[in-house]
Protein backbone atom coordinates (compact mmCIF):
# COMPACT_ATOMS: atom_id res chain seq x y z
CA GLU A 1 -26.28 -27.78 78.40
CA GLN A 2 -24.71 -24.93 80.98
CA VAL A 3 -28.56 -23.77 81.61
CA ALA A 4 -29.48 -27.37 81.97
CA ALA A 5 -26.64 -28.45 84.31
CA TRP A 6 -26.98 -25.11 86.74
CA ALA A 7 -30.98 -26.14 86.65
CA GLN A 8 -29.97 -29.65 88.24
CA VAL A 9 -28.31 -28.00 90.96
CA MET A 10 -30.42 -24.87 91.66
CA ALA A 11 -34.03 -26.59 91.01
CA PRO A 12 -34.11 -27.89 94.70
CA ALA A 13 -33.68 -24.54 96.38
CA ILE A 14 -35.78 -22.66 93.68
CA ASP A 15 -38.68 -25.44 94.31
CA GLN A 16 -37.92 -24.81 97.88
CA ALA A 17 -38.43 -20.89 97.73
CA TYR A 18 -41.28 -21.16 95.22
CA GLY A 19 -43.26 -23.59 97.27
CA ALA A 20 -42.70 -22.06 100.78
CA ALA A 21 -44.17 -18.60 98.86
CA ARG A 22 -47.08 -20.56 97.48
CA ALA A 23 -47.78 -21.92 101.08
CA SER A 24 -47.40 -18.63 103.14
CA ALA A 25 -49.91 -17.12 100.51
CA SER A 26 -52.57 -19.80 100.28
CA SER A 27 -54.65 -22.11 102.36
CA PRO A 28 -53.24 -25.43 101.27
CA MET A 29 -55.28 -28.60 102.02
CA PRO A 30 -53.78 -30.43 105.17
CA GLY A 31 -50.99 -32.56 104.12
CA SER A 32 -50.85 -31.35 100.64
CA PRO A 33 -47.88 -31.52 98.83
CA ARG A 34 -45.86 -28.44 98.41
CA SER A 35 -45.76 -26.87 95.07
CA SER A 36 -42.52 -26.67 92.89
CA ALA A 37 -41.83 -24.46 90.38
CA PRO A 38 -42.69 -25.00 86.71
CA ARG A 39 -39.72 -26.09 85.02
CA ARG A 40 -39.76 -23.00 82.58
CA ILE A 41 -39.57 -20.34 85.79
CA VAL A 42 -36.56 -22.90 86.85
CA THR A 43 -34.89 -22.48 83.44
CA GLY A 44 -35.63 -18.66 83.33
CA LEU A 45 -34.20 -18.09 86.69
CA VAL A 46 -31.20 -20.20 86.04
CA GLU A 47 -30.61 -18.22 83.11
CA VAL A 48 -30.06 -14.85 85.24
CA VAL A 49 -27.26 -16.87 86.67
CA VAL A 50 -25.70 -18.64 83.74
CA ALA A 51 -25.79 -15.66 80.74
CA PRO A 52 -23.76 -13.35 82.22
CA LEU A 53 -20.97 -16.05 82.90
CA ARG A 54 -21.25 -16.95 79.60
CA GLU A 55 -21.03 -13.53 78.08
CA SER A 56 -18.03 -12.90 80.37
CA LEU A 57 -16.05 -15.98 79.22
CA LEU A 58 -17.04 -15.52 75.58
CA SER A 59 -15.42 -11.96 75.94
CA ALA A 60 -12.53 -13.19 77.80
CA VAL A 61 -11.67 -15.33 74.85
CA GLU A 62 -12.37 -12.77 72.23
CA GLN A 63 -10.33 -10.08 74.39
CA THR A 64 -7.33 -12.66 74.48
CA LEU A 65 -7.14 -13.20 70.52
CA ALA A 66 -7.87 -9.38 69.70
CA ASP A 67 -4.55 -8.98 71.87
CA ASP A 68 -2.88 -11.73 70.34
CA ALA A 69 -4.24 -13.41 67.47
CA ASN A 70 -1.70 -16.14 67.85
CA ALA A 71 -2.33 -16.52 71.48
CA ASP A 72 -2.05 -20.11 73.02
CA ALA A 73 -4.49 -22.03 75.01
CA ASP A 74 -2.88 -21.64 78.18
CA ALA A 75 -3.22 -17.61 77.55
CA VAL A 76 -7.05 -18.23 76.75
CA ALA A 77 -7.49 -20.44 79.90
CA GLN A 78 -5.71 -18.10 82.11
CA ARG A 79 -8.05 -15.45 80.97
CA ILE A 80 -10.78 -17.62 81.31
CA GLY A 81 -9.79 -18.63 85.02
CA ALA A 82 -9.31 -15.23 85.95
CA ARG A 83 -12.84 -14.17 84.60
CA TYR A 84 -14.52 -17.15 86.17
CA ARG A 85 -13.02 -16.56 89.77
CA GLU A 86 -13.93 -12.99 89.45
CA TRP A 87 -17.61 -13.80 88.64
CA ARG A 88 -17.60 -16.64 91.46
CA GLY A 89 -16.06 -14.20 93.78
CA GLN A 90 -18.03 -10.96 93.03
CA GLU A 91 -21.50 -11.71 91.21
CA LEU A 92 -22.38 -15.40 92.10
CA ASP A 93 -23.74 -15.04 95.36
CA GLY A 94 -25.81 -11.77 94.67
CA ARG A 95 -27.22 -13.56 91.43
CA ILE A 96 -28.31 -16.90 93.37
CA GLY A 97 -29.83 -14.45 96.07
CA ASP A 98 -31.91 -12.60 93.27
CA VAL A 99 -32.98 -15.80 91.63
CA LEU A 100 -34.31 -17.17 95.28
CA ALA A 101 -36.10 -14.02 96.02
CA ALA A 102 -37.61 -13.82 92.53
CA ALA A 103 -38.94 -17.60 93.15
CA TYR A 104 -40.19 -16.42 95.96
CA ALA A 105 -42.27 -13.37 94.76
CA ARG A 106 -43.17 -15.61 92.04
CA GLY A 107 -44.83 -18.34 94.45
CA VAL A 108 -46.73 -15.69 96.07
CA TYR A 109 -48.12 -14.04 92.82
CA ASP A 110 -48.79 -17.71 91.37
CA ALA A 111 -50.78 -18.78 94.67
CA THR A 112 -53.09 -15.53 94.64
CA PRO A 113 -56.35 -15.81 92.91
CA GLU A 114 -57.50 -14.00 89.84
CA GLY A 115 -58.82 -10.51 90.90
CA SER A 116 -56.95 -10.31 94.23
CA ARG A 117 -55.32 -7.53 95.38
CA LEU A 118 -51.35 -7.41 95.80
CA ARG A 119 -49.25 -4.90 97.95
CA TRP A 120 -45.38 -4.20 97.01
CA VAL A 121 -43.76 -4.63 100.31
CA PRO A 122 -40.36 -2.95 100.46
CA ALA A 123 -37.34 -4.64 101.87
CA GLU A 124 -35.91 -1.33 103.45
CA PRO A 125 -38.28 1.34 103.35
CA GLY A 126 -36.64 4.56 102.32
CA GLN A 127 -34.26 2.81 100.31
CA CYS A 128 -35.40 2.40 96.88
CA PRO A 129 -37.67 4.97 94.56
CA ASP A 130 -38.68 2.03 92.79
CA ALA A 131 -40.02 0.15 95.70
CA GLU A 132 -41.67 2.96 97.34
CA ASP A 133 -43.47 3.99 93.96
CA ASN A 134 -44.92 0.15 94.17
CA ALA A 135 -45.83 -0.03 97.56
CA LEU A 136 -47.89 3.26 97.19
CA GLU A 137 -51.21 1.37 96.17
CA PRO A 138 -52.19 -2.29 96.09
CA THR A 139 -52.26 -3.54 92.78
CA PRO A 140 -54.87 -6.24 91.01
CA ARG A 141 -53.03 -9.60 90.41
CA GLY A 142 -52.16 -9.42 86.46
CA ASP A 143 -51.73 -5.63 86.13
CA ARG A 144 -48.15 -4.06 86.46
CA PHE A 145 -47.06 -1.95 89.65
CA PRO A 146 -45.83 1.65 88.94
CA THR A 147 -42.43 0.91 87.65
CA GLY A 148 -43.74 -1.82 85.14
CA GLN A 149 -43.31 -5.08 87.06
CA GLN A 150 -46.01 -7.78 87.71
CA PHE A 151 -43.75 -8.81 90.78
CA PRO A 152 -40.54 -8.37 92.65
CA PRO A 153 -37.67 -8.14 91.82
CA ALA A 154 -37.58 -4.61 90.22
CA HIS A 155 -33.48 -4.64 90.14
CA PRO A 156 -30.49 -6.94 90.96
CA GLY A 157 -30.37 -6.97 94.76
CA CYS A 158 -33.82 -6.27 94.86
CA ARG A 159 -35.45 -8.12 98.26
CA CYS A 160 -38.90 -6.66 98.16
CA LEU A 161 -41.94 -9.04 98.82
CA LEU A 162 -45.38 -9.08 97.66
CA ALA A 163 -48.38 -9.93 100.09
CA LEU A 164 -52.08 -10.52 99.68
CA VAL A 165 -54.37 -7.34 100.76
CA ASP A 166 -56.77 -8.67 103.13
CA GLU A 167 -60.00 -6.94 101.95
CA ASP A 168 -62.05 -8.25 104.80
């Protein structure tokens, strides 16, 4: 239920990032509608946001009951509230950024034709060894880059991009 609720909220932004990426990586016909992300991609990306929150809240309940097996609802609610505020203040913005970066990268990937070559473009050259390794050599669409990913992100906080290699 949480994933479905969050998907409704986040789908427009994910669709916008995915569609913008597809438009930037392909030559759409004039007047053609911008693509939206497939629902399975939206759901998968939303799970990146929701799953850690759910795990943290479950852990809060378990810890409260481990500390006091007779804890009342107020004690459980206070611990849940504290965990939620911590997640919202320390993790939510980064996770949403990760989701939108991933939606954009996936849009570029999905817009490129089979057999085309993609280049991994580091967000900040010299800052991430994985990005530097992936940027060394263009990779055919469908193959994995040296660190194992088919497209960014390589890790939380990764803002690398994909670019279609112009072979003309």
